[in-house]
C-alpha cells in the first residue's frame, strides 16, 4: 500500500454527496469536509498507510469510522439539556489544549501535576469534550457537571484482568469504552483496592484506554510498573502520562523510579 492507493481508497469511502474531499500534494494531506458547512478534517496519508501496513484493513475501517463520527458531531448542534446520564469525566495530560480550535474554552478541573480532568458528552461510539458555552446554554454549574460525571463514572463496570509478577499483583481495566483511565477518579473504588492491598497501592493512566492498579510488595514491583506504564504510554492512541502514582490518604503522589529504588516526589 502506498499513499496514492490509500488516497483513492479513502475517496471511495467518502464518495457520498454529503462529503467533499481534496488532496494537498505538497503536504501529502487528504481533507474530508461536510459539504454544507465546509467543516472538516485533514489526514496525513503516510500515517494511515503506516497503520494499514501494521493492522491491515482494520486500520482503514477505524479511520473511516472516526472521521465519519467526528464530522457528524462537528456539524450537529449539541446540548447538555436532559443529558445528565451521558456526561463523564476524562483524564488528559496537563499539556492537552484547554481550548478548541474555534477558541471556545473547555471545562476543566485540576487533578495532579501530570493530569487534568476534562468532561465529555457521550454519543455512544464517540464523545465530545464539553466547553463553557455548552455549560451556559444548559444552565449548568461546574458543581453540577462534577456531580453528574462522578455519579456516572462510578456506575460503569469495574472488571479487571490480574497478573502476578515477582510477587506483585497488577490489575488492568481496559474495556475500551473511552473512560478506562477516568476510573482513577472513583475514590470509593480506589479505597476498596487500597483496603484489600497487601503492600502499597500504585495506579497509572498511561493512556485513555487503560487503568493500571498495582499492589506493590517489593522494589522490583516499582520497576515492573514503570516499564509497563512506559510501554502503554508509547502505544496508546491518546497518551496521558508515563508516570505512575502512589495512592495514600485519598491522594495521588507521582513516583519516580531509578533502578530498583523508589523515589517519591
Protein backbone atom coordinates (compact mmCIF):
# COMPACT_ATOMS: atom_id res chain seq x y z
CA UNK A 1 0.00 0.00 0.00
CA UNK A 2 1.30 3.45 -0.92
CA UNK A 3 -0.05 6.97 -0.42
CA UNK A 4 -1.69 7.18 -3.84
CA UNK A 5 -3.58 3.93 -3.39
CA UNK A 6 -4.64 4.96 0.10
CA UNK A 7 -5.93 8.31 -1.20
CA UNK A 8 -8.05 6.54 -3.83
CA UNK A 9 -9.38 4.13 -1.22
CA UNK A 10 -10.42 6.99 1.08
CA UNK A 11 -12.02 8.83 -1.85
CA UNK A 12 -14.18 5.77 -2.43
CA UNK A 13 -15.26 5.63 1.21
CA UNK A 14 -16.20 9.32 1.22
CA UNK A 15 -17.77 9.48 -2.24
CA UNK A 16 -21.22 10.21 -0.77
CA UNK A 17 -22.60 13.61 -1.84
CA UNK A 18 -22.65 14.90 1.75
CA UNK A 19 -18.84 14.87 1.74
CA UNK A 20 -16.23 16.78 -0.25
CA UNK A 21 -12.65 15.59 -0.48
CA UNK A 22 -9.42 17.23 -1.64
CA UNK A 23 -5.73 16.43 -1.71
CA UNK A 24 -2.77 18.69 -0.92
CA UNK A 25 0.13 17.16 -2.84
CA UNK A 26 2.74 19.40 -1.22
CA UNK A 27 1.75 18.38 2.31
CA UNK A 28 0.55 14.91 1.29
CA UNK A 29 -2.61 15.71 3.23
CA UNK A 30 -6.09 14.37 2.47
CA UNK A 31 -9.06 16.50 3.57
CA UNK A 32 -12.64 15.37 4.13
CA UNK A 33 -15.31 18.05 4.62
CA UNK A 34 -19.01 18.16 5.35
CA UNK A 35 -20.14 19.74 2.08
CA UNK A 36 -22.82 22.04 3.54
CA UNK A 37 -20.69 23.61 6.25
CA UNK A 38 -17.15 23.26 4.92
CA UNK A 39 -16.01 21.92 8.30
CA UNK A 40 -13.66 19.00 8.03
CA UNK A 41 -10.52 17.10 8.96
CA UNK A 42 -7.07 16.76 7.43
CA UNK A 43 -5.45 13.33 7.35
CA UNK A 44 -1.77 12.58 6.84
CA UNK A 45 -1.77 9.78 4.29
CA UNK A 46 1.65 8.50 5.37
CA UNK A 47 0.33 7.89 8.89
CA UNK A 48 -2.70 5.98 7.59
CA UNK A 49 -0.51 3.87 5.31
CA UNK A 50 1.79 3.05 8.25
CA UNK A 51 -1.18 1.88 10.31
CA UNK A 52 -2.51 -0.09 7.35
CA UNK A 53 0.81 -1.89 6.99
CA UNK A 54 0.64 -2.74 10.68
CA UNK A 55 -3.04 -3.64 11.14
CA UNK A 56 -4.37 -4.19 7.62
CA UNK A 57 -7.93 -3.28 6.58
CA UNK A 58 -8.88 -2.72 10.22
CA UNK A 59 -6.79 0.48 10.21
CA UNK A 60 -8.79 1.92 7.31
CA UNK A 61 -12.10 0.94 8.93
CA UNK A 62 -11.00 2.66 12.17
CA UNK A 63 -10.05 5.92 10.43
CA UNK A 64 -13.22 5.98 8.33
CA UNK A 65 -15.43 5.42 11.37
CA UNK A 66 -13.52 8.05 13.35
CA UNK A 67 -13.76 10.66 10.60
CA UNK A 68 -17.44 9.95 9.90
CA UNK A 69 -18.39 10.23 13.57
CA UNK A 70 -16.23 13.32 14.14
CA UNK A 71 -17.70 15.14 11.13
CA UNK A 72 -21.20 14.27 12.25
CA UNK A 73 -20.56 15.75 15.69
CA UNK A 74 -18.80 18.83 14.28
CA UNK A 75 -21.85 19.64 12.20
CA UNK A 76 -24.53 18.86 14.75
CA UNK A 77 -25.85 21.20 17.41
CA UNK A 78 -25.26 19.58 20.78
CA UNK A 79 -26.95 20.41 24.06
CA UNK A 80 -26.42 19.13 27.59
CA UNK A 81 -30.08 19.66 28.45
CA UNK A 82 -31.55 16.37 29.62
CA UNK A 83 -28.23 14.57 29.08
CA UNK A 84 -27.20 14.10 32.71
CA UNK A 85 -26.76 10.33 32.23
CA UNK A 86 -24.34 10.84 29.34
CA UNK A 87 -21.69 13.08 30.91
CA UNK A 88 -18.37 11.59 32.02
CA UNK A 89 -15.02 12.91 33.25
CA UNK A 90 -11.98 12.19 31.07
CA UNK A 91 -8.33 12.33 32.07
CA UNK A 92 -5.81 14.13 29.88
CA UNK A 93 -2.23 15.28 30.30
CA UNK A 94 -1.67 18.83 31.54
CA UNK A 95 -0.26 19.68 28.10
CA UNK A 96 -3.57 18.86 26.41
CA UNK A 97 -5.15 22.03 24.90
CA UNK A 98 -7.76 23.69 27.11
CA UNK A 99 -9.37 25.46 24.16
CA UNK A 100 -10.99 24.18 20.99
CA UNK A 101 -9.65 25.31 17.63
CA UNK A 102 -12.50 27.85 17.44
CA UNK A 103 -11.30 29.43 20.69
CA UNK A 104 -14.04 28.06 22.94
CA UNK A 105 -12.72 27.16 26.40
CA UNK A 106 -13.17 23.59 27.56
CA UNK A 107 -14.48 22.87 31.04
CA UNK A 108 -11.61 21.52 33.14
CA UNK A 109 -10.61 20.79 36.71
CA UNK A 110 -7.21 20.37 38.35
CA UNK A 111 -6.22 16.80 39.16
CA UNK A 112 -2.47 16.15 39.63
CA UNK A 113 0.73 17.85 38.47
CA UNK A 114 0.68 15.47 35.49
CA UNK A 115 -3.03 15.21 34.68
CA UNK A 116 -6.14 17.34 34.28
CA UNK A 117 -9.84 16.48 34.25
CA UNK A 118 -11.99 17.34 31.23
CA UNK A 119 -15.64 16.45 30.70
CA UNK A 120 -17.29 14.63 27.81
CA UNK A 121 -20.80 14.22 26.43
CA UNK A 122 -21.08 10.60 25.37
CA UNK A 123 -22.51 9.79 21.93
CA UNK A 124 -22.18 6.02 22.06
CA UNK A 125 -19.38 5.39 19.55
CA UNK A 126 -17.60 8.61 20.48
CA UNK A 127 -17.85 11.64 22.73
CA UNK A 128 -17.45 15.41 22.58
CA UNK A 129 -15.45 17.41 25.10
CA UNK A 130 -17.69 19.93 26.85
CA UNK A 131 -16.93 23.64 26.52
CA UNK A 132 -18.06 26.54 28.68
CA UNK A 133 -20.66 27.68 26.12
CA UNK A 134 -22.38 24.29 26.31
CA UNK A 135 -22.45 24.63 30.10
CA UNK A 136 -24.02 28.09 29.95
CA UNK A 137 -26.56 27.10 27.27
CA UNK A 138 -27.86 24.30 29.51
CA UNK A 139 -27.65 26.50 32.62
CA UNK A 140 -25.34 24.01 34.32
CA UNK A 141 -22.89 24.96 37.06
CA UNK A 142 -19.41 23.48 37.40
CA UNK A 143 -20.67 21.79 40.56
CA UNK A 144 -23.42 20.06 38.60
CA UNK A 145 -21.13 18.73 35.87
CA UNK A 146 -18.77 17.45 38.55
CA UNK A 147 -21.63 15.76 40.43
CA UNK A 148 -23.27 14.04 37.44
CA UNK A 149 -19.95 12.95 35.91
CA UNK A 150 -18.82 11.41 39.20
CA UNK A 151 -22.10 9.54 39.54
CA UNK A 152 -21.79 8.17 36.00
CA UNK A 153 -18.13 7.09 36.29
CA UNK A 154 -18.96 5.13 39.44
CA UNK A 155 -21.82 3.36 37.65
CA UNK A 156 -19.51 1.89 34.98
CA UNK A 157 -18.35 -1.76 35.23
CA UNK A 158 -15.04 -2.30 37.01
CA UNK A 159 -13.95 -5.71 35.76
CA UNK A 160 -10.20 -6.17 35.50
CA UNK A 161 -7.58 -8.70 34.48
CA UNK A 162 -4.97 -9.73 37.04
CA UNK A 163 -1.31 -10.57 36.52
CA UNK A 164 1.09 -11.55 39.30
CA UNK A 165 4.73 -10.78 38.59
CA UNK A 166 7.64 -11.12 41.04
CA UNK A 167 5.23 -11.35 44.00
CA UNK A 168 3.35 -8.19 42.98
CA UNK A 169 -0.25 -8.08 41.75
CA UNK A 170 -1.14 -5.94 38.74
CA UNK A 171 -4.73 -5.19 37.73
CA UNK A 172 -5.74 -3.88 34.30
CA UNK A 173 -9.02 -2.19 33.40
CA UNK A 174 -9.27 -1.94 29.61
CA UNK A 175 -12.90 -2.06 28.49
CA UNK A 176 -12.25 0.25 25.51
CA UNK A 177 -15.32 2.34 26.41
CA UNK A 178 -13.28 5.58 26.34
CA UNK A 179 -13.32 6.00 30.12
CA UNK A 180 -10.86 3.40 31.40
CA UNK A 181 -8.34 5.96 32.66
CA UNK A 182 -11.22 8.03 34.07
CA UNK A 183 -11.93 5.29 36.60
CA UNK A 184 -8.98 6.63 38.60
CA UNK A 185 -11.43 9.33 39.74
CA UNK A 186 -13.63 6.83 41.57
CA UNK A 187 -12.33 7.30 45.11
CA UNK A 188 -14.52 4.59 46.73
CA UNK A 189 -13.13 2.09 44.20
CA UNK A 190 -9.54 3.10 44.97
CA UNK A 191 -10.27 2.93 48.68
CA UNK A 192 -11.59 -0.62 48.29
CA UNK A 193 -8.48 -1.62 46.32
CA UNK A 194 -6.30 0.02 48.98
CA UNK A 195 -8.14 -1.85 51.72
CA UNK A 196 -7.51 -5.20 50.01
CA UNK A 197 -3.87 -4.48 49.09
CA UNK A 198 -1.06 -6.31 50.86
CA UNK A 199 1.58 -3.71 50.01
CA UNK A 200 1.49 -0.14 48.67
CA UNK A 201 -1.22 0.70 46.17
CA UNK A 202 0.00 2.35 42.98
CA UNK A 203 -2.01 3.44 39.94
CA UNK A 204 -1.17 4.55 36.41
CA UNK A 205 -3.04 6.14 33.49
CA UNK A 206 -0.56 5.82 30.59
CA UNK A 207 -3.28 6.39 28.00
CA UNK A 208 -7.03 6.89 27.75
CA UNK A 209 -7.93 3.23 27.30
CA UNK A 210 -6.28 1.61 30.31
CA UNK A 211 -6.06 1.97 34.09
CA UNK A 212 -3.30 0.04 35.81
CA UNK A 213 -3.55 -0.69 39.52
CA UNK A 214 -0.65 -2.35 41.32
CA UNK A 215 -0.30 -3.93 44.75
CA UNK A 216 3.43 -3.34 45.22
CA UNK A 217 5.11 -5.62 47.75
CA UNK A 218 8.78 -5.13 46.85
CA UNK A 219 11.15 -2.78 44.99
CA UNK A 220 11.03 -4.95 41.86
CA UNK A 221 7.32 -4.17 41.64
CA UNK A 222 8.08 -0.48 41.11
CA UNK A 223 10.48 -1.30 38.27
CA UNK A 224 7.89 -3.53 36.60
CA UNK A 225 5.18 -0.89 36.96
CA UNK A 226 7.45 1.76 35.43
CA UNK A 227 8.21 -0.47 32.45
CA UNK A 228 4.55 -1.35 31.95
CA UNK A 229 3.45 2.26 32.16
CA UNK A 230 6.04 3.46 29.66
CA UNK A 231 5.14 0.68 27.21
CA UNK A 232 1.42 1.52 27.37
CA UNK A 233 2.19 5.24 27.14
CA UNK A 234 4.11 4.86 23.87
CA UNK A 235 1.43 2.62 22.34
CA UNK A 236 -1.72 4.49 23.37
CA UNK A 237 -3.97 6.35 20.93
CA UNK A 238 -4.38 9.22 23.43
CA UNK A 239 -1.30 9.19 25.74
CA UNK A 240 -1.68 10.75 29.19
CA UNK A 241 1.39 10.26 31.38
CA UNK A 242 4.26 7.80 31.68
CA UNK A 243 4.46 8.40 35.44
CA UNK A 244 2.62 6.27 37.97
CA UNK A 245 1.21 7.35 41.32
CA UNK A 246 1.15 6.11 44.89
CA UNK A 247 -2.40 6.25 46.31
CA UNK A 248 -2.44 7.04 50.00
CA UNK A 249 -4.71 9.09 52.27
CA UNK A 250 -7.06 9.87 49.36
CA UNK A 251 -4.18 11.46 47.42
CA UNK A 252 -2.15 10.60 44.32
CA UNK A 253 1.57 11.30 44.53
CA UNK A 254 3.78 10.80 41.43
CA UNK A 255 6.55 8.26 41.88
CA UNK A 256 9.88 8.26 40.07
CA UNK A 257 11.80 5.04 39.69
CA UNK A 258 15.57 4.85 39.22
CA UNK A 259 16.98 1.35 39.08
CA UNK A 260 15.41 -0.60 41.92
CA UNK A 261 14.97 2.36 44.21
CA UNK A 262 11.64 4.07 44.71
CA UNK A 263 11.92 7.85 44.79
CA UNK A 264 8.77 9.68 45.69
CA UNK A 265 8.09 13.31 44.79
